[in-house]
Structure formats: C-alpha cells, structure tokens
Amino acid sequence: MLRELPLVIFTLIAQMSVGSFVVLGLIHLFGGRAGRDVIDKVSDPALYAIGPILVVGLLASMMHLGTPIRAINALRHLDSSWLSREILFGLLFAAIGGAFAFTQWFKWLTPRLRQALAGLAAVVGLSLIWSMTMVYLLPTVPAWDSWATPARFFATTFLLGSLAVGAALVITADVRRRRGAAADEASDQVIMSSLRGITIGAIAMLGIEFVVLPLYLGQLATDGSAAATGSVNALVTTYGAYAVAQLVLVFLGVALLGVFLSRLAKRFSTARVLAIAPVAAFVLVFTGEIIGRMLFYASYARVGL
C-alpha cells in the first residue's frame, strides 16, 4: 500500500483544502451578524494555511508522476482526460485561492469582489474534487467504478475540511490568549457557534461514511467478477484489521469533539480543554482517513488483462 503514498497525500490534502475553503465560506456567510472585522479576525489565520497545504499535496502528486514535466504533458489532453482536468483545477484552485488570500490579507478590492473571488475558488475547488473522482471511475476496476467513490471522496472533503478549520480556530485563539490579547467575547461567540456547526457537519459526514461502507461491500460481493471478489477479500480478509482501525479512529475523533462540545462552558476563555479536543479530533480522523485512502488503492483489481 505504501507505493501509492504520494497519491494518498495528494488526494487527502487537496480534499481537505477544498473542504476547509468551503467551510470558511460558510462561516463568513452565516456569521455575518457578528461583523466583518470579527469574522475576518477569527477565520483569516485558517485561510492562510490552505494554500501552502495544497501546494504540498500538488508536489506529492508530481512525485508519483516522476517529474513535473509529466504533469505539464498531462495538461495537453483536457478535452479527453479527467487526469488533465484534475491537474488543471488543482492549479487553478491554488492560484485563485492564493489570490483571494492575498486580497483578504491586504484588504485589496472591495468586499463584494473578494467574496466573488472566494466563490469562484470554491467552485473551482469542488470541480477539482469531481475531476479527482472521475479519474477513478474506471469500468475495468469494479472496486473504484462505483457510486461509493464520489460519495466517499466528497464526505472526506467536508469531514477533513471542517475538522481542520475547527482545529485552526481554537489554535489561533489559544495563541492570541497566550500572547496576552484581551478577551474578545464577540470572537469567542463566533468560534463557539462555528464549532457547533462543524460538529454537526462532521457527525453527518461520519454517518455517510458508516452507511456507504457496508452498501459498497455488498455491491462488490454481488458483482460476480473475479476482480470484485479479489477486492472484497483484500478489504475484508487481508486488510480487515486496517478497515476496522479506520472506522474506529474516525468515530473516536468525531465522538471526542461532540462530547467536549456538549460540555462547553458558556465562555470560550474558560474552556481550556477545548483547545485540545478539536486538534485531537482532527488528528484521529486524519489518521483514519489515511488508512482508508490506502485501503482504497489496495482494493485495485482489474477486470481482464
């Protein structure tokens, strides 16, 4: 499974970056009553981390291709290749998202134009995830050519994205507090309401993953082809312990965040343990998703030669 590690890193980081961008957009959309300055103070630090993280993922994908020149050559087939479109949308998302981050940092352009730029980046990012999905819908690979592939990719996008934003919010708030910044009740309220929304969304994505897996295995088991049977045996028998570990880690991560949020004090500044819970939840879920993506590649088995 380790030979596909560059693709594991690329797909997960790209999905997390897109999901984080969309979640931050939702925080801006639904947190508008707190005031633009408050929302920017809370969300901007997380925004600036998305671009560098995606660049790391793109570099990892080039490692899999061998040399960057092959990535450039792949762009020559946009009319027929989903891989070419995936690379294009990845580069566009990094560029447009980076442009938005710079305009947001320096407060260039008007707020409406910055919002339009952010909306364009989100659309391009979601197009990246869709292109990524289509790359793997191969009729010759029954384990990938399934409705479960887009369902799992998009669930991972929003699960990792929401938890990454949650971790970033509490880390930056804790850093400000350690540096002696004055208490800011408005910012604390935005963080609290954002974390509640993130928890609800993460639980929903967890539910999707738990529903998709048994249905997906059932579909493969009834496929009848030797390739599908081999994939089921690999997932259930050869790597069954890893599959269980993935589900346990993801469940524990989301459950941890839910339990701690259910016990929150009304004031964010008094909930010191909150600075640990979202970070621990993200680490657990990200580890589980790494295992899950490695299992995805381990399920590869072709029909015919």
C-alpha atoms as a PDB file:
ATOM      1  CA  MET A   1       0.000   0.000   0.000  1.00  0.00           C
ATOM      2  CA  LEU A   2       2.910   2.381   0.664  1.00  0.00           C
ATOM      3  CA  ARG A   3       3.805   2.734  -3.014  1.00  0.00           C
ATOM      4  CA  GLU A   4       0.695   4.867  -3.507  1.00  0.00           C
ATOM      5  CA  LEU A   5       1.574   7.158  -0.594  1.00  0.00           C
ATOM      6  CA  PRO A   6       2.129  10.258  -2.821  1.00  0.00           C
ATOM      7  CA  LEU A   7      -1.378   9.868  -4.229  1.00  0.00           C
ATOM      8  CA  VAL A   8      -2.772   9.301  -0.728  1.00  0.00           C
ATOM      9  CA  ILE A   9      -1.163  12.549   0.419  1.00  0.00           C
ATOM     10  CA  PHE A  10      -2.272  14.492  -2.657  1.00  0.00           C
ATOM     11  CA  THR A  11      -5.893  13.379  -2.676  1.00  0.00           C
ATOM     12  CA  LEU A  12      -6.405  13.832   1.077  1.00  0.00           C
ATOM     13  CA  ILE A  13      -4.678  17.210   1.306  1.00  0.00           C
ATOM     14  CA  ALA A  14      -6.444  18.522  -1.802  1.00  0.00           C
ATOM     15  CA  GLN A  15      -9.805  17.384  -0.450  1.00  0.00           C
ATOM     16  CA  MET A  16      -9.069  18.853   2.984  1.00  0.00           C
ATOM     17  CA  SER A  17      -8.029  22.171   1.411  1.00  0.00           C
ATOM     18  CA  VAL A  18     -11.197  22.441  -0.661  1.00  0.00           C
ATOM     19  CA  GLY A  19     -13.376  21.406   2.272  1.00  0.00           C
ATOM     20  CA  SER A  20     -11.661  23.958   4.538  1.00  0.00           C
ATOM     21  CA  PHE A  21     -12.218  26.719   1.985  1.00  0.00           C
ATOM     22  CA  VAL A  22     -15.913  25.894   1.686  1.00  0.00           C
ATOM     23  CA  VAL A  23     -16.366  25.661   5.481  1.00  0.00           C
ATOM     24  CA  LEU A  24     -14.668  29.040   5.976  1.00  0.00           C
ATOM     25  CA  GLY A  25     -17.005  30.446   3.357  1.00  0.00           C
ATOM     26  CA  LEU A  26     -19.991  29.133   5.313  1.00  0.00           C
ATOM     27  CA  ILE A  27     -18.618  30.746   8.482  1.00  0.00           C
ATOM     28  CA  HIS A  28     -18.456  34.075   6.635  1.00  0.00           C
ATOM     29  CA  LEU A  29     -21.949  33.552   5.246  1.00  0.00           C
ATOM     30  CA  PHE A  30     -23.712  32.601   8.476  1.00  0.00           C
ATOM     31  CA  GLY A  31     -21.557  34.612  10.878  1.00  0.00           C
ATOM     32  CA  GLY A  32     -22.185  37.934   9.193  1.00  0.00           C
ATOM     33  CA  ARG A  33     -24.200  39.301  12.096  1.00  0.00           C
ATOM     34  CA  ALA A  34     -21.049  39.388  14.235  1.00  0.00           C
ATOM     35  CA  GLY A  35     -19.483  41.936  11.888  1.00  0.00           C
ATOM     36  CA  ARG A  36     -16.973  41.612   9.076  1.00  0.00           C
ATOM     37  CA  ASP A  37     -13.983  42.554  11.247  1.00  0.00           C
ATOM     38  CA  VAL A  38     -14.811  39.873  13.820  1.00  0.00           C
ATOM     39  CA  ILE A  39     -15.282  37.179  11.173  1.00  0.00           C
ATOM     40  CA  ASP A  40     -12.012  38.121   9.478  1.00  0.00           C
ATOM     41  CA  LYS A  41     -10.156  38.019  12.797  1.00  0.00           C
ATOM     42  CA  VAL A  42     -11.459  34.533  13.520  1.00  0.00           C
ATOM     43  CA  SER A  43     -11.193  32.929  10.081  1.00  0.00           C
ATOM     44  CA  ASP A  44      -8.266  34.572   8.258  1.00  0.00           C
ATOM     45  CA  PRO A  45      -5.465  32.598  10.014  1.00  0.00           C
ATOM     46  CA  ALA A  46      -7.045  29.321   8.886  1.00  0.00           C
ATOM     47  CA  LEU A  47      -7.454  30.674   5.353  1.00  0.00           C
ATOM     48  CA  TYR A  48      -3.742  31.423   5.004  1.00  0.00           C
ATOM     49  CA  ALA A  49      -2.858  27.809   5.800  1.00  0.00           C
ATOM     50  CA  ILE A  50      -4.930  26.307   2.954  1.00  0.00           C
ATOM     51  CA  GLY A  51      -2.698  27.419   0.063  1.00  0.00           C
ATOM     52  CA  PRO A  52       0.629  26.075   1.393  1.00  0.00           C
ATOM     53  CA  ILE A  53      -1.037  22.798   2.359  1.00  0.00           C
ATOM     54  CA  LEU A  54      -2.435  22.351  -1.154  1.00  0.00           C
ATOM     55  CA  VAL A  55       0.980  23.107  -2.671  1.00  0.00           C
ATOM     56  CA  VAL A  56       2.408  20.259  -0.573  1.00  0.00           C
ATOM     57  CA  GLY A  57      -0.282  17.973  -1.989  1.00  0.00           C
ATOM     58  CA  LEU A  58       0.440  19.041  -5.573  1.00  0.00           C
ATOM     59  CA  LEU A  59       4.150  18.389  -5.063  1.00  0.00           C
ATOM     60  CA  ALA A  60       3.302  14.943  -3.698  1.00  0.00           C
ATOM     61  CA  SER A  61       1.285  14.177  -6.832  1.00  0.00           C
ATOM     62  CA  MET A  62       4.234  15.185  -9.028  1.00  0.00           C
ATOM     63  CA  MET A  63       6.407  12.721  -7.089  1.00  0.00           C
ATOM     64  CA  HIS A  64       4.027   9.999  -8.212  1.00  0.00           C
ATOM     65  CA  LEU A  65       4.247  11.162 -11.833  1.00  0.00           C
ATOM     66  CA  GLY A  66       8.031  11.065 -11.623  1.00  0.00           C
ATOM     67  CA  THR A  67       8.893  14.570 -12.860  1.00  0.00           C
ATOM     68  CA  PRO A  68       6.983  17.897 -13.111  1.00  0.00           C
ATOM     69  CA  ILE A  69       7.370  17.688 -16.893  1.00  0.00           C
ATOM     70  CA  ARG A  70       4.920  14.786 -16.955  1.00  0.00           C
ATOM     71  CA  ALA A  71       2.368  16.945 -15.148  1.00  0.00           C
ATOM     72  CA  ILE A  72       2.778  19.605 -17.861  1.00  0.00           C
ATOM     73  CA  ASN A  73       2.335  16.969 -20.567  1.00  0.00           C
ATOM     74  CA  ALA A  74      -0.826  15.724 -18.841  1.00  0.00           C
ATOM     75  CA  LEU A  75      -2.411  19.167 -19.375  1.00  0.00           C
ATOM     76  CA  ARG A  76      -2.334  18.596 -23.128  1.00  0.00           C
ATOM     77  CA  HIS A  77      -5.406  16.333 -23.048  1.00  0.00           C
ATOM     78  CA  LEU A  78      -8.058  18.493 -21.380  1.00  0.00           C
ATOM     79  CA  ASP A  79     -10.655  17.527 -23.980  1.00  0.00           C
ATOM     80  CA  SER A  80     -10.473  13.817 -23.187  1.00  0.00           C
ATOM     81  CA  SER A  81      -8.670  13.193 -19.898  1.00  0.00           C
ATOM     82  CA  TRP A  82     -10.067  13.644 -16.390  1.00  0.00           C
ATOM     83  CA  LEU A  83      -6.488  13.463 -15.095  1.00  0.00           C
ATOM     84  CA  SER A  84      -5.640  16.560 -17.156  1.00  0.00           C
ATOM     85  CA  ARG A  85      -8.704  18.340 -15.767  1.00  0.00           C
ATOM     86  CA  GLU A  86      -7.784  17.299 -12.233  1.00  0.00           C
ATOM     87  CA  ILE A  87      -4.312  18.840 -12.600  1.00  0.00           C
ATOM     88  CA  LEU A  88      -5.753  21.990 -14.194  1.00  0.00           C
ATOM     89  CA  PHE A  89      -8.381  22.512 -11.486  1.00  0.00           C
ATOM     90  CA  GLY A  90      -5.767  21.839  -8.799  1.00  0.00           C
ATOM     91  CA  LEU A  91      -3.505  24.547 -10.191  1.00  0.00           C
ATOM     92  CA  LEU A  92      -6.427  26.941 -10.665  1.00  0.00           C
ATOM     93  CA  PHE A  93      -7.689  26.367  -7.131  1.00  0.00           C
ATOM     94  CA  ALA A  94      -4.227  27.046  -5.701  1.00  0.00           C
ATOM     95  CA  ALA A  95      -3.893  30.204  -7.817  1.00  0.00           C
ATOM     96  CA  ILE A  96      -7.380  31.646  -7.221  1.00  0.00           C
ATOM     97  CA  GLY A  97      -7.405  30.666  -3.562  1.00  0.00           C
ATOM     98  CA  GLY A  98      -3.984  32.250  -3.146  1.00  0.00           C
ATOM     99  CA  ALA A  99      -5.173  35.417  -4.907  1.00  0.00           C
ATOM    100  CA  PHE A 100      -8.133  35.615  -2.549  1.00  0.00           C
ATOM    101  CA  ALA A 101      -5.865  35.112   0.490  1.00  0.00           C
ATOM    102  CA  PHE A 102      -3.638  37.995  -0.630  1.00  0.00           C
ATOM    103  CA  THR A 103      -6.539  40.336  -1.321  1.00  0.00           C
ATOM    104  CA  GLN A 104      -8.060  39.391   2.029  1.00  0.00           C
ATOM    105  CA  TRP A 105      -4.765  39.953   3.878  1.00  0.00           C
ATOM    106  CA  PHE A 106      -4.074  43.375   2.341  1.00  0.00           C
ATOM    107  CA  LYS A 107      -7.778  44.255   2.030  1.00  0.00           C
ATOM    108  CA  TRP A 108      -7.398  44.862  -1.688  1.00  0.00           C
ATOM    109  CA  LEU A 109     -10.532  45.196  -3.857  1.00  0.00           C
ATOM    110  CA  THR A 110     -13.996  45.720  -2.395  1.00  0.00           C
ATOM    111  CA  PRO A 111     -15.578  43.193  -0.007  1.00  0.00           C
ATOM    112  CA  ARG A 112     -18.010  42.104  -2.735  1.00  0.00           C
ATOM    113  CA  LEU A 113     -15.230  41.476  -5.232  1.00  0.00           C
ATOM    114  CA  ARG A 114     -13.308  39.496  -2.632  1.00  0.00           C
ATOM    115  CA  GLN A 115     -16.434  37.434  -1.943  1.00  0.00           C
ATOM    116  CA  ALA A 116     -16.829  36.811  -5.688  1.00  0.00           C
ATOM    117  CA  LEU A 117     -13.206  35.671  -5.874  1.00  0.00           C
ATOM    118  CA  ALA A 118     -13.759  33.348  -2.909  1.00  0.00           C
ATOM    119  CA  GLY A 119     -16.903  31.943  -4.540  1.00  0.00           C
ATOM    120  CA  LEU A 120     -15.001  31.271  -7.754  1.00  0.00           C
ATOM    121  CA  ALA A 121     -12.238  29.491  -5.797  1.00  0.00           C
ATOM    122  CA  ALA A 122     -14.847  27.319  -4.054  1.00  0.00           C
ATOM    123  CA  VAL A 123     -16.471  26.345  -7.371  1.00  0.00           C
ATOM    124  CA  VAL A 124     -13.072  25.514  -8.889  1.00  0.00           C
ATOM    125  CA  GLY A 125     -12.176  23.522  -5.765  1.00  0.00           C
ATOM    126  CA  LEU A 126     -15.338  21.449  -5.940  1.00  0.00           C
ATOM    127  CA  SER A 127     -14.647  20.906  -9.642  1.00  0.00           C
ATOM    128  CA  LEU A 128     -11.227  19.600  -8.601  1.00  0.00           C
ATOM    129  CA  ILE A 129     -12.851  17.053  -6.297  1.00  0.00           C
ATOM    130  CA  TRP A 130     -15.285  15.975  -9.016  1.00  0.00           C
ATOM    131  CA  SER A 131     -12.458  15.593 -11.546  1.00  0.00           C
ATOM    132  CA  MET A 132     -10.496  13.614  -8.982  1.00  0.00           C
ATOM    133  CA  THR A 133     -13.485  11.327  -8.562  1.00  0.00           C
ATOM    134  CA  MET A 134     -13.917  10.801 -12.302  1.00  0.00           C
ATOM    135  CA  VAL A 135     -10.262   9.748 -12.657  1.00  0.00           C
ATOM    136  CA  TYR A 136     -11.077   6.625 -10.620  1.00  0.00           C
ATOM    137  CA  LEU A 137     -14.421   5.680 -12.172  1.00  0.00           C
ATOM    138  CA  LEU A 138     -12.807   3.066 -14.393  1.00  0.00           C
ATOM    139  CA  PRO A 139     -15.105   0.335 -15.801  1.00  0.00           C
ATOM    140  CA  THR A 140     -12.188  -2.104 -15.645  1.00  0.00           C
ATOM    141  CA  VAL A 141     -11.776  -1.621 -11.869  1.00  0.00           C
ATOM    142  CA  PRO A 142     -15.029  -2.677 -10.143  1.00  0.00           C
ATOM    143  CA  ALA A 143     -13.827  -1.560  -6.686  1.00  0.00           C
ATOM    144  CA  TRP A 144     -13.492   2.024  -7.955  1.00  0.00           C
ATOM    145  CA  ASP A 145     -16.216   2.184 -10.604  1.00  0.00           C
ATOM    146  CA  SER A 146     -18.964   2.727  -8.046  1.00  0.00           C
ATOM    147  CA  TRP A 147     -21.258   5.440  -6.714  1.00  0.00           C
ATOM    148  CA  ALA A 148     -19.376   4.936  -3.437  1.00  0.00           C
ATOM    149  CA  THR A 149     -16.240   6.600  -4.839  1.00  0.00           C
ATOM    150  CA  PRO A 150     -17.737  10.107  -5.238  1.00  0.00           C
ATOM    151  CA  ALA A 151     -19.718   9.653  -2.007  1.00  0.00           C
ATOM    152  CA  ARG A 152     -16.568   8.804  -0.042  1.00  0.00           C
ATOM    153  CA  PHE A 153     -14.411  11.480  -1.704  1.00  0.00           C
ATOM    154  CA  PHE A 154     -16.900  14.271  -1.009  1.00  0.00           C
ATOM    155  CA  ALA A 155     -17.591  13.009   2.532  1.00  0.00           C
ATOM    156  CA  THR A 156     -13.841  13.081   3.214  1.00  0.00           C
ATOM    157  CA  THR A 157     -13.632  16.574   1.695  1.00  0.00           C
ATOM    158  CA  PHE A 158     -16.117  18.056   4.123  1.00  0.00           C
ATOM    159  CA  LEU A 159     -15.162  15.888   7.101  1.00  0.00           C
ATOM    160  CA  LEU A 160     -11.446  16.745   6.983  1.00  0.00           C
ATOM    161  CA  GLY A 161     -12.137  20.321   5.914  1.00  0.00           C
ATOM    162  CA  SER A 162     -14.497  21.037   8.790  1.00  0.00           C
ATOM    163  CA  LEU A 163     -12.254  19.441  11.424  1.00  0.00           C
ATOM    164  CA  ALA A 164      -9.167  21.233  10.055  1.00  0.00           C
ATOM    165  CA  VAL A 165     -10.967  24.560  10.360  1.00  0.00           C
ATOM    166  CA  GLY A 166     -12.140  23.690  13.874  1.00  0.00           C
ATOM    167  CA  ALA A 167      -8.583  22.885  14.930  1.00  0.00           C
ATOM    168  CA  ALA A 168      -7.251  26.072  13.300  1.00  0.00           C
ATOM    169  CA  LEU A 169      -9.858  28.248  15.047  1.00  0.00           C
ATOM    170  CA  VAL A 170      -9.014  27.045  18.541  1.00  0.00           C
ATOM    171  CA  ILE A 171      -5.244  27.016  17.949  1.00  0.00           C
ATOM    172  CA  THR A 172      -5.185  30.637  16.773  1.00  0.00           C
ATOM    173  CA  ALA A 173      -7.498  31.683  19.616  1.00  0.00           C
ATOM    174  CA  ASP A 174      -5.242  29.951  22.132  1.00  0.00           C
ATOM    175  CA  VAL A 175      -2.135  31.604  20.633  1.00  0.00           C
ATOM    176  CA  ARG A 176      -3.748  35.029  20.923  1.00  0.00           C
ATOM    177  CA  ARG A 177      -4.669  34.316  24.524  1.00  0.00           C
ATOM    178  CA  ARG A 178      -1.155  33.142  25.414  1.00  0.00           C
ATOM    179  CA  ARG A 179       0.242  36.339  23.936  1.00  0.00           C
ATOM    180  CA  GLY A 180      -1.869  38.346  26.346  1.00  0.00           C
ATOM    181  CA  ALA A 181      -4.579  39.513  23.964  1.00  0.00           C
ATOM    182  CA  ALA A 182      -7.609  40.975  25.677  1.00  0.00           C
ATOM    183  CA  ALA A 183     -10.720  38.846  25.935  1.00  0.00           C
ATOM    184  CA  ASP A 184     -12.946  39.237  22.890  1.00  0.00           C
ATOM    185  CA  GLU A 185     -16.434  37.966  23.575  1.00  0.00           C
ATOM    186  CA  ALA A 186     -17.636  38.545  20.008  1.00  0.00           C
ATOM    187  CA  SER A 187     -14.823  36.428  18.563  1.00  0.00           C
ATOM    188  CA  ASP A 188     -15.367  33.742  21.189  1.00  0.00           C
ATOM    189  CA  GLN A 189     -19.037  33.526  20.281  1.00  0.00           C
ATOM    190  CA  VAL A 190     -18.224  33.143  16.586  1.00  0.00           C
ATOM    191  CA  ILE A 191     -15.746  30.361  17.386  1.00  0.00           C
ATOM    192  CA  MET A 192     -18.269  28.605  19.624  1.00  0.00           C
ATOM    193  CA  SER A 193     -21.083  28.750  17.086  1.00  0.00           C
ATOM    194  CA  SER A 194     -18.686  27.681  14.304  1.00  0.00           C
ATOM    195  CA  LEU A 195     -17.507  24.685  16.327  1.00  0.00           C
ATOM    196  CA  ARG A 196     -21.094  23.616  16.964  1.00  0.00           C
ATOM    197  CA  GLY A 197     -21.832  23.780  13.248  1.00  0.00           C
ATOM    198  CA  ILE A 198     -18.601  21.932  12.459  1.00  0.00           C
ATOM    199  CA  THR A 199     -19.524  19.181  14.910  1.00  0.00           C
ATOM    200  CA  ILE A 200     -22.979  18.727  13.379  1.00  0.00           C
ATOM    201  CA  GLY A 201     -21.462  18.605   9.888  1.00  0.00           C
ATOM    202  CA  ALA A 202     -18.761  16.146  10.957  1.00  0.00           C
ATOM    203  CA  ILE A 203     -21.355  13.847  12.512  1.00  0.00           C
ATOM    204  CA  ALA A 204     -23.356  13.957   9.265  1.00  0.00           C
ATOM    205  CA  MET A 205     -20.266  13.085   7.200  1.00  0.00           C
ATOM    206  CA  LEU A 206     -19.418  10.288   9.638  1.00  0.00           C
ATOM    207  CA  GLY A 207     -22.924   8.910   9.181  1.00  0.00           C
ATOM    208  CA  ILE A 208     -22.462   8.921   5.415  1.00  0.00           C
ATOM    209  CA  GLU A 209     -19.179   7.016   5.695  1.00  0.00           C
ATOM    210  CA  PHE A 210     -20.718   4.420   8.011  1.00  0.00           C
ATOM    211  CA  VAL A 211     -23.683   3.908   5.653  1.00  0.00           C
ATOM    212  CA  VAL A 212     -21.635   3.849   2.441  1.00  0.00           C
ATOM    213  CA  LEU A 213     -19.120   1.184   3.511  1.00  0.00           C
ATOM    214  CA  PRO A 214     -21.482  -1.791   4.087  1.00  0.00           C
ATOM    215  CA  LEU A 215     -23.533  -0.906   0.997  1.00  0.00           C
ATOM    216  CA  TYR A 216     -20.344  -0.654  -1.032  1.00  0.00           C
ATOM    217  CA  LEU A 217     -19.033  -4.025   0.173  1.00  0.00           C
ATOM    218  CA  GLY A 218     -22.416  -5.582  -0.536  1.00  0.00           C
ATOM    219  CA  GLN A 219     -22.341  -4.224  -4.088  1.00  0.00           C
ATOM    220  CA  LEU A 220     -18.860  -5.628  -4.670  1.00  0.00           C
ATOM    221  CA  ALA A 221     -19.828  -9.012  -3.200  1.00  0.00           C
ATOM    222  CA  THR A 222     -22.722  -9.354  -5.673  1.00  0.00           C
ATOM    223  CA  ASP A 223     -20.719  -8.139  -8.686  1.00  0.00           C
ATOM    224  CA  GLY A 224     -19.616 -11.650  -9.551  1.00  0.00           C
ATOM    225  CA  SER A 225     -16.362 -10.763 -11.313  1.00  0.00           C
ATOM    226  CA  ALA A 226     -13.045 -12.146 -10.147  1.00  0.00           C
ATOM    227  CA  ALA A 227     -11.710  -8.611  -9.728  1.00  0.00           C
ATOM    228  CA  ALA A 228     -14.577  -7.596  -7.445  1.00  0.00           C
ATOM    229  CA  THR A 229     -14.207 -10.776  -5.408  1.00  0.00           C
ATOM    230  CA  GLY A 230     -10.496 -10.120  -5.044  1.00  0.00           C
ATOM    231  CA  SER A 231     -11.175  -6.575  -3.857  1.00  0.00           C
ATOM    232  CA  VAL A 232     -13.661  -7.773  -1.236  1.00  0.00           C
ATOM    233  CA  ASN A 233     -11.206 -10.389   0.009  1.00  0.00           C
ATOM    234  CA  ALA A 234      -8.474  -7.754   0.239  1.00  0.00           C
ATOM    235  CA  LEU A 235     -10.653  -5.310   2.174  1.00  0.00           C
ATOM    236  CA  VAL A 236     -12.290  -7.847   4.484  1.00  0.00           C
ATOM    237  CA  THR A 237      -9.622 -10.518   4.950  1.00  0.00           C
ATOM    238  CA  THR A 238      -6.150  -9.223   4.104  1.00  0.00           C
ATOM    239  CA  TYR A 239      -6.670  -5.668   5.352  1.00  0.00           C
ATOM    240  CA  GLY A 240      -9.719  -6.186   7.544  1.00  0.00           C
ATOM    241  CA  ALA A 241      -7.945  -5.030  10.700  1.00  0.00           C
ATOM    242  CA  TYR A 242      -6.936  -1.797   8.977  1.00  0.00           C
ATOM    243  CA  ALA A 243     -10.519  -1.189   7.859  1.00  0.00           C
ATOM    244  CA  VAL A 244     -11.729  -1.599  11.440  1.00  0.00           C
ATOM    245  CA  ALA A 245      -8.963   0.711  12.676  1.00  0.00           C
ATOM    246  CA  GLN A 246     -10.026   3.365  10.182  1.00  0.00           C
ATOM    247  CA  LEU A 247     -13.654   3.304  11.313  1.00  0.00           C
ATOM    248  CA  VAL A 248     -12.691   3.323  14.988  1.00  0.00           C
ATOM    249  CA  LEU A 249     -10.323   6.287  14.596  1.00  0.00           C
ATOM    250  CA  VAL A 250     -12.819   8.354  12.615  1.00  0.00           C
ATOM    251  CA  PHE A 251     -15.621   7.531  15.052  1.00  0.00           C
ATOM    252  CA  LEU A 252     -13.475   8.374  18.093  1.00  0.00           C
ATOM    253  CA  GLY A 253     -12.374  11.670  16.569  1.00  0.00           C
ATOM    254  CA  VAL A 254     -15.888  12.880  15.834  1.00  0.00           C
ATOM    255  CA  ALA A 255     -17.226  11.492  19.110  1.00  0.00           C
ATOM    256  CA  LEU A 256     -14.461  13.269  21.059  1.00  0.00           C
ATOM    257  CA  LEU A 257     -15.381  16.597  19.522  1.00  0.00           C
ATOM    258  CA  GLY A 258     -19.065  16.002  20.171  1.00  0.00           C
ATOM    259  CA  VAL A 259     -18.572  15.063  23.833  1.00  0.00           C
ATOM    260  CA  PHE A 260     -16.388  18.046  24.610  1.00  0.00           C
ATOM    261  CA  LEU A 261     -18.666  20.477  22.807  1.00  0.00           C
ATOM    262  CA  SER A 262     -21.645  19.148  24.750  1.00  0.00           C
ATOM    263  CA  ARG A 263     -19.838  20.131  27.959  1.00  0.00           C
ATOM    264  CA  LEU A 264     -18.716  23.579  26.904  1.00  0.00           C
ATOM    265  CA  ALA A 265     -18.884  26.438  29.332  1.00  0.00           C
ATOM    266  CA  LYS A 266     -20.670  29.489  28.034  1.00  0.00           C
ATOM    267  CA  ARG A 267     -17.443  31.472  27.814  1.00  0.00           C
ATOM    268  CA  PHE A 268     -14.826  30.167  25.426  1.00  0.00           C
ATOM    269  CA  SER A 269     -11.987  31.577  27.528  1.00  0.00           C
ATOM    270  CA  THR A 270     -12.868  29.308  30.455  1.00  0.00           C
ATOM    271  CA  ALA A 271     -12.988  26.147  28.340  1.00  0.00           C
ATOM    272  CA  ARG A 272      -9.242  25.446  28.255  1.00  0.00           C
ATOM    273  CA  VAL A 273      -9.726  21.829  27.306  1.00  0.00           C
ATOM    274  CA  LEU A 274     -11.480  22.962  24.127  1.00  0.00           C
ATOM    275  CA  ALA A 275      -8.113  23.918  22.676  1.00  0.00           C
ATOM    276  CA  ILE A 276      -7.144  20.238  22.837  1.00  0.00           C
ATOM    277  CA  ALA A 277     -10.357  18.495  21.751  1.00  0.00           C
ATOM    278  CA  PRO A 278     -10.694  19.773  18.136  1.00  0.00           C
ATOM    279  CA  VAL A 279      -6.982  19.227  17.475  1.00  0.00           C
ATOM    280  CA  ALA A 280      -7.093  15.682  18.868  1.00  0.00           C
ATOM    281  CA  ALA A 281     -10.281  15.013  16.879  1.00  0.00           C
ATOM    282  CA  PHE A 282      -8.616  16.202  13.669  1.00  0.00           C
ATOM    283  CA  VAL A 283      -5.511  14.064  14.259  1.00  0.00           C
ATOM    284  CA  LEU A 284      -7.604  10.945  14.909  1.00  0.00           C
ATOM    285  CA  VAL A 285      -9.831  11.450  11.876  1.00  0.00           C
ATOM    286  CA  PHE A 286      -6.956  12.387   9.558  1.00  0.00           C
ATOM    287  CA  THR A 287      -5.088   9.237  10.604  1.00  0.00           C
ATOM    288  CA  GLY A 288      -8.212   7.179   9.955  1.00  0.00           C
ATOM    289  CA  GLU A 289      -8.682   8.765   6.531  1.00  0.00           C
ATOM    290  CA  ILE A 290      -5.059   7.996   5.609  1.00  0.00           C
ATOM    291  CA  ILE A 291      -5.736   4.330   6.364  1.00  0.00           C
ATOM    292  CA  GLY A 292      -8.994   4.469   4.431  1.00  0.00           C
ATOM    293  CA  ARG A 293      -7.374   6.006   1.358  1.00  0.00           C
ATOM    294  CA  MET A 294      -4.574   3.441   1.424  1.00  0.00           C
ATOM    295  CA  LEU A 295      -7.235   0.726   1.525  1.00  0.00           C
ATOM    296  CA  PHE A 296      -8.904   2.388  -1.459  1.00  0.00           C
ATOM    297  CA  TYR A 297      -5.743   1.919  -3.509  1.00  0.00           C
ATOM    298  CA  ALA A 298      -5.177  -1.570  -2.075  1.00  0.00           C
ATOM    299  CA  SER A 299      -8.603  -2.603  -3.448  1.00  0.00           C
ATOM    300  CA  TYR A 300      -7.369  -2.117  -7.022  1.00  0.00           C
ATOM    301  CA  ALA A 301      -8.061  -5.163  -9.191  1.00  0.00           C
ATOM    302  CA  ARG A 302      -8.677  -5.072 -12.950  1.00  0.00           C
ATOM    303  CA  VAL A 303     -11.206  -6.977 -14.981  1.00  0.00           C
ATOM    304  CA  GLY A 304      -9.300  -8.906 -17.649  1.00  0.00           C
ATOM    305  CA  LEU A 305      -5.673  -8.263 -18.590  1.00  0.00           C
END
